[in-house]
Every structure is written in C-alpha cells, then in structure tokens.
Amino acid sequence: MKKLLFILSFFLTLSSCTNKTIQLPQIAISGESEIQNHSQIWVFYKYNKDKIKAEINKNNTISTTNWIINIDKRLPIREVIPVFQMIKAKRAKKSIHSSEGMKNYVSYSDTSKNKIALFSIDRIQHITLPKSEIIQMEKEKHCDYVMEFSKESIKINQKEYTLDEWNKSVLDSLSSGCVQLQFDEKLTYQKYLNYRLQLKSFLTDSLAVENTEYIIK
C-alpha cells in the first residue's frame, strides 16, 4: 500500500524527468503525515510574458485513490482557486472506477517536524467576488466575525492588525460564534495556506469557521 512516506522521492523523480520543480509551502504546523492509497497532482509555477500561471499535471490521478495536490507556494491564490474547483468537479464525476470515501488533500512541508504533511480541502468551497458584492452578501447573511486577509494586513470585523501583530493571542481573545473568511486574490498560496492552518490549529471549539471562503478580486 502506498503511503505518504514515498511522496518526496516521487516528487524528486518527477522533477528530474520534467526539469520542473515545485516549492511546497513551509509551515510549522502539524497535519496528517501518513496516508494510504493515493495518487498525485502537480501544480507548477509558470512565468510567461509577464504573467504568472498555474501549470497542472494531473495525468497520474486514479479515481479509486485519495488525491494529493502539490502546489507551488509562489502562485497567487487567484491561480490556485480554479485548480481546486477543477479537481473537485473531476472528483464529483462518478464512474464505475470511483471509490467512496476518497479525499482531496493539499501537501506542505511541516517545518516543525521536518516532513511532508497534508490538509484536507474537501469541506471548503471557494467563491470569487468583487469586494462590493461581498459587502452586500455580509448584510444578507450575518456572521459574528469576518476575517479579511490581505498582503499588508489582517482585519477582524474591520479592526486592522499588522502582520507582526497577528498571533494566537488575537484569536484567543475572540468569543463564541461563526467565522467568515475572506482572502485577497493577490495573496500567495504560501500565505493563504499558512493562515488557513493557523485558524484550524488555534481557533477554539466555540468558534465555527464557515465552509465557504470568499476570494476578493
């Protein structure tokens, strides 16, 4: 049975064969580190004619396995979100070869344990909207806390924190309720996944993060 233990050697083999490499996000937070029965998806950073694009290699996906998505940390999330949506749509297409219970994971380098870790994206839905439409949506569907992440700062219910001020104690100060997440589309995938894992690890059980995340374009 294939386990995540072999992911790094497979990655090196792919890189040497295609002359392409992926820089995984580096985050000092633990996640799942061993999984059986998986196949790989590779999302490369491509810079061409002053544009950054995601280049996808999904030729090795097998519908009867868990899928591990390896994404270059330098990509802006405006390029990553369509990848998530495409992969979930592909997974949703049932065939005689499909298996129940298979999941979609993203990989990252857990620097606290010096190994590859995984984060499931199955329950997360992404919607990309202009800021004006998100503001209107907030009025129609109230949530106790709205967290907005940009390249320069983080806002919680419009209270702004610098990146240096953002830490676990800020999250500990919140009381119970639901949390809505908004991310600027210009954030790098490294930043996005780092914030997402921090929230998963540090928010108390009394705070429920909504499954729908909004990407601000």
Protein backbone atom coordinates (compact mmCIF):
# COMPACT_ATOMS: atom_id res chain seq x y z
CA MET A 1 0.00 0.00 0.00
CA LYS A 2 1.33 3.40 -0.94
CA LYS A 3 1.88 5.81 1.90
CA LEU A 4 2.77 9.48 2.09
CA LEU A 5 6.22 8.36 3.17
CA PHE A 6 7.08 7.99 -0.52
CA ILE A 7 5.82 11.36 -1.69
CA LEU A 8 9.15 13.16 -1.52
CA SER A 9 11.08 10.59 -3.53
CA PHE A 10 8.32 10.57 -6.15
CA PHE A 11 8.48 14.36 -6.31
CA LEU A 12 12.22 14.30 -6.92
CA THR A 13 11.78 11.72 -9.67
CA LEU A 14 9.12 13.81 -11.41
CA SER A 15 11.25 16.93 -11.13
CA SER A 16 14.31 15.32 -12.66
CA CYS A 17 12.29 13.85 -15.54
CA THR A 18 10.46 17.03 -16.49
CA ASN A 19 13.05 19.65 -15.46
CA LYS A 20 10.34 21.24 -13.31
CA THR A 21 10.29 21.72 -9.57
CA ILE A 22 7.66 22.66 -7.02
CA GLN A 23 8.40 24.73 -3.93
CA LEU A 24 5.94 23.48 -1.33
CA PRO A 25 4.62 25.85 1.35
CA GLN A 26 6.71 25.74 4.52
CA ILE A 27 4.60 25.92 7.67
CA ALA A 28 5.47 24.98 11.26
CA ILE A 29 2.10 23.33 11.98
CA SER A 30 1.48 19.60 12.12
CA GLY A 31 -1.01 17.86 9.86
CA GLU A 32 -1.75 14.37 8.63
CA SER A 33 1.55 12.78 7.73
CA GLU A 34 0.69 9.29 6.50
CA ILE A 35 -1.98 8.23 4.09
CA GLN A 36 -2.60 5.03 2.20
CA ASN A 37 -3.74 4.59 -1.38
CA HIS A 38 -3.02 7.92 -3.03
CA SER A 39 -2.11 9.46 -6.37
CA GLN A 40 -0.56 12.82 -7.13
CA ILE A 41 -1.48 16.10 -8.80
CA TRP A 42 1.24 18.67 -9.50
CA VAL A 43 0.61 22.40 -9.86
CA PHE A 44 3.69 24.23 -11.12
CA TYR A 45 4.59 27.92 -11.07
CA LYS A 46 4.88 29.20 -14.63
CA TYR A 47 6.02 32.71 -15.52
CA ASN A 48 5.46 33.67 -19.14
CA LYS A 49 5.17 37.06 -20.83
CA ASP A 50 4.91 38.95 -17.53
CA LYS A 51 2.10 36.68 -16.31
CA ILE A 52 2.12 34.09 -13.55
CA LYS A 53 0.15 30.97 -14.36
CA ALA A 54 -0.57 27.62 -12.72
CA GLU A 55 0.51 24.68 -14.88
CA ILE A 56 -1.21 21.43 -13.89
CA ASN A 57 -0.04 17.86 -14.31
CA LYS A 58 -2.90 15.55 -13.34
CA ASN A 59 -2.03 12.62 -15.59
CA ASN A 60 -1.32 10.31 -12.67
CA THR A 61 -4.66 10.68 -10.87
CA ILE A 62 -6.56 7.46 -10.22
CA SER A 63 -10.23 7.77 -9.30
CA THR A 64 -10.04 4.95 -6.73
CA THR A 65 -7.38 6.74 -4.64
CA ASN A 66 -7.03 9.74 -2.37
CA TRP A 67 -5.60 12.70 -4.30
CA ILE A 68 -2.64 14.67 -3.00
CA ILE A 69 -2.32 18.10 -4.65
CA ASN A 70 1.20 19.53 -4.61
CA ILE A 71 1.04 23.27 -5.29
CA ASP A 72 3.90 25.72 -5.70
CA LYS A 73 3.87 28.21 -2.82
CA ARG A 74 4.70 31.17 -5.09
CA LEU A 75 1.45 31.05 -7.03
CA PRO A 76 -1.17 33.73 -6.25
CA ILE A 77 -4.39 32.20 -4.97
CA ARG A 78 -6.29 33.63 -7.96
CA GLU A 79 -4.47 30.89 -9.92
CA VAL A 80 -4.95 28.20 -7.26
CA ILE A 81 -8.71 28.50 -6.66
CA PRO A 82 -9.64 27.41 -10.23
CA VAL A 83 -7.39 24.38 -9.69
CA PHE A 84 -9.33 23.43 -6.54
CA GLN A 85 -12.63 23.84 -8.40
CA MET A 86 -11.48 21.79 -11.37
CA ILE A 87 -10.22 18.96 -9.16
CA LYS A 88 -13.42 18.83 -7.12
CA ALA A 89 -15.50 18.78 -10.30
CA LYS A 90 -13.36 15.93 -11.62
CA ARG A 91 -13.79 14.03 -8.34
CA ALA A 92 -17.56 14.57 -8.42
CA LYS A 93 -17.89 12.79 -11.75
CA LYS A 94 -18.88 9.26 -10.80
CA SER A 95 -17.65 6.33 -12.83
CA ILE A 96 -17.53 2.57 -12.45
CA HIS A 97 -13.96 3.01 -11.20
CA SER A 98 -14.80 5.52 -8.44
CA SER A 99 -14.47 4.59 -4.77
CA GLU A 100 -16.41 6.07 -1.86
CA GLY A 101 -14.56 7.82 0.93
CA MET A 102 -11.60 9.05 -1.11
CA LYS A 103 -10.45 12.57 -0.19
CA ASN A 104 -8.60 15.53 -1.69
CA TYR A 105 -5.57 16.83 0.20
CA VAL A 106 -3.00 19.57 -0.32
CA SER A 107 0.57 18.98 0.76
CA TYR A 108 3.03 21.22 2.58
CA SER A 109 6.35 20.97 4.37
CA ASP A 110 5.83 20.78 8.14
CA THR A 111 8.98 22.57 9.33
CA SER A 112 8.25 21.72 12.97
CA LYS A 113 8.77 18.02 12.25
CA ASN A 114 10.77 18.26 9.03
CA LYS A 115 8.39 16.15 6.97
CA ILE A 116 5.56 16.39 4.45
CA ALA A 117 2.06 16.96 5.90
CA LEU A 118 -1.46 17.11 4.46
CA PHE A 119 -4.56 19.27 4.82
CA SER A 120 -7.96 18.16 3.53
CA ILE A 121 -9.82 20.67 1.35
CA ASP A 122 -12.97 18.59 0.85
CA ARG A 123 -15.26 20.67 3.07
CA ILE A 124 -14.04 24.04 1.78
CA GLN A 125 -15.85 25.86 -1.01
CA HIS A 126 -14.42 28.97 -2.67
CA ILE A 127 -16.38 31.83 -4.22
CA THR A 128 -14.59 34.67 -6.02
CA LEU A 129 -16.41 38.02 -5.97
CA PRO A 130 -15.69 41.77 -6.13
CA LYS A 131 -15.45 43.39 -2.70
CA SER A 132 -18.71 45.32 -3.27
CA GLU A 133 -20.66 42.09 -3.75
CA ILE A 134 -19.08 40.52 -0.68
CA ILE A 135 -20.11 43.52 1.42
CA GLN A 136 -23.69 43.15 0.18
CA MET A 137 -23.60 39.43 0.95
CA GLU A 138 -22.42 40.19 4.52
CA LYS A 139 -25.54 42.29 5.08
CA GLU A 140 -27.78 39.44 3.96
CA LYS A 141 -26.01 36.72 5.92
CA HIS A 142 -24.61 37.87 9.24
CA CYS A 143 -21.62 36.16 10.82
CA ASP A 144 -20.13 37.06 14.22
CA TYR A 145 -16.61 37.53 12.88
CA VAL A 146 -15.42 38.48 9.41
CA MET A 147 -11.69 37.95 8.88
CA GLU A 148 -10.15 39.61 5.84
CA PHE A 149 -6.59 38.65 4.86
CA SER A 150 -4.55 40.83 2.52
CA LYS A 151 -0.87 41.22 1.69
CA GLU A 152 -0.47 44.18 4.05
CA SER A 153 -2.77 43.46 7.00
CA ILE A 154 -5.49 41.33 8.59
CA LYS A 155 -8.87 42.68 9.63
CA ILE A 156 -11.32 41.19 12.10
CA ASN A 157 -14.68 42.98 11.91
CA GLN A 158 -12.83 45.91 10.31
CA LYS A 159 -10.29 46.17 13.14
CA GLU A 160 -6.93 46.11 11.44
CA TYR A 161 -3.86 44.21 12.60
CA THR A 162 -0.41 44.43 11.08
CA LEU A 163 1.20 41.15 10.07
CA ASP A 164 3.51 41.45 13.09
CA GLU A 165 0.53 41.84 15.43
CA TRP A 166 -1.24 38.73 14.12
CA ASN A 167 -0.72 35.83 16.54
CA LYS A 168 -2.53 33.21 18.59
CA SER A 169 -3.43 35.67 21.36
CA VAL A 170 -5.55 37.65 18.89
CA LEU A 171 -7.58 34.53 18.14
CA ASP A 172 -7.79 33.61 21.83
CA SER A 173 -9.47 36.96 22.51
CA LEU A 174 -12.50 36.05 20.38
CA SER A 175 -15.66 34.70 21.99
CA SER A 176 -18.02 32.08 20.55
CA GLY A 177 -19.69 32.42 17.17
CA CYS A 178 -19.23 31.81 13.46
CA VAL A 179 -16.24 32.99 11.44
CA GLN A 180 -16.33 34.03 7.79
CA LEU A 181 -13.03 34.10 5.88
CA GLN A 182 -12.09 36.45 3.06
CA PHE A 183 -8.78 36.40 1.17
CA ASP A 184 -7.34 38.89 -1.29
CA GLU A 185 -6.75 37.10 -4.60
CA LYS A 186 -3.20 38.53 -4.73
CA LEU A 187 -2.10 36.60 -1.65
CA THR A 188 0.45 33.91 -2.37
CA TYR A 189 -0.57 30.32 -1.82
CA GLN A 190 2.09 30.15 0.92
CA LYS A 191 0.34 32.94 2.84
CA TYR A 192 -3.14 31.56 2.23
CA LEU A 193 -2.33 28.06 3.47
CA ASN A 194 -0.37 29.39 6.43
CA TYR A 195 -3.34 31.48 7.59
CA ARG A 196 -5.76 28.61 6.96
CA LEU A 197 -3.72 26.17 9.05
CA GLN A 198 -3.26 28.70 11.84
CA LEU A 199 -7.02 29.10 12.07
CA LYS A 200 -7.59 25.36 12.06
CA SER A 201 -4.99 24.86 14.80
CA PHE A 202 -5.62 27.84 17.05
CA LEU A 203 -9.33 28.66 16.97
CA THR A 204 -11.26 27.31 19.94
CA ASP A 205 -14.11 24.83 19.56
CA SER A 206 -16.59 27.62 20.32
CA LEU A 207 -15.74 29.31 17.01
CA ALA A 208 -17.05 27.68 13.84
CA VAL A 209 -15.35 28.57 10.56
CA GLU A 210 -17.79 28.63 7.66
CA ASN A 211 -17.05 26.14 4.89
CA THR A 212 -17.45 28.81 2.22
CA GLU A 213 -14.44 31.10 1.79
CA TYR A 214 -14.61 34.29 -0.27
CA ILE A 215 -11.81 35.36 -2.59
CA ILE A 216 -11.74 39.13 -3.17
CA LYS A 217 -10.97 40.10 -6.75
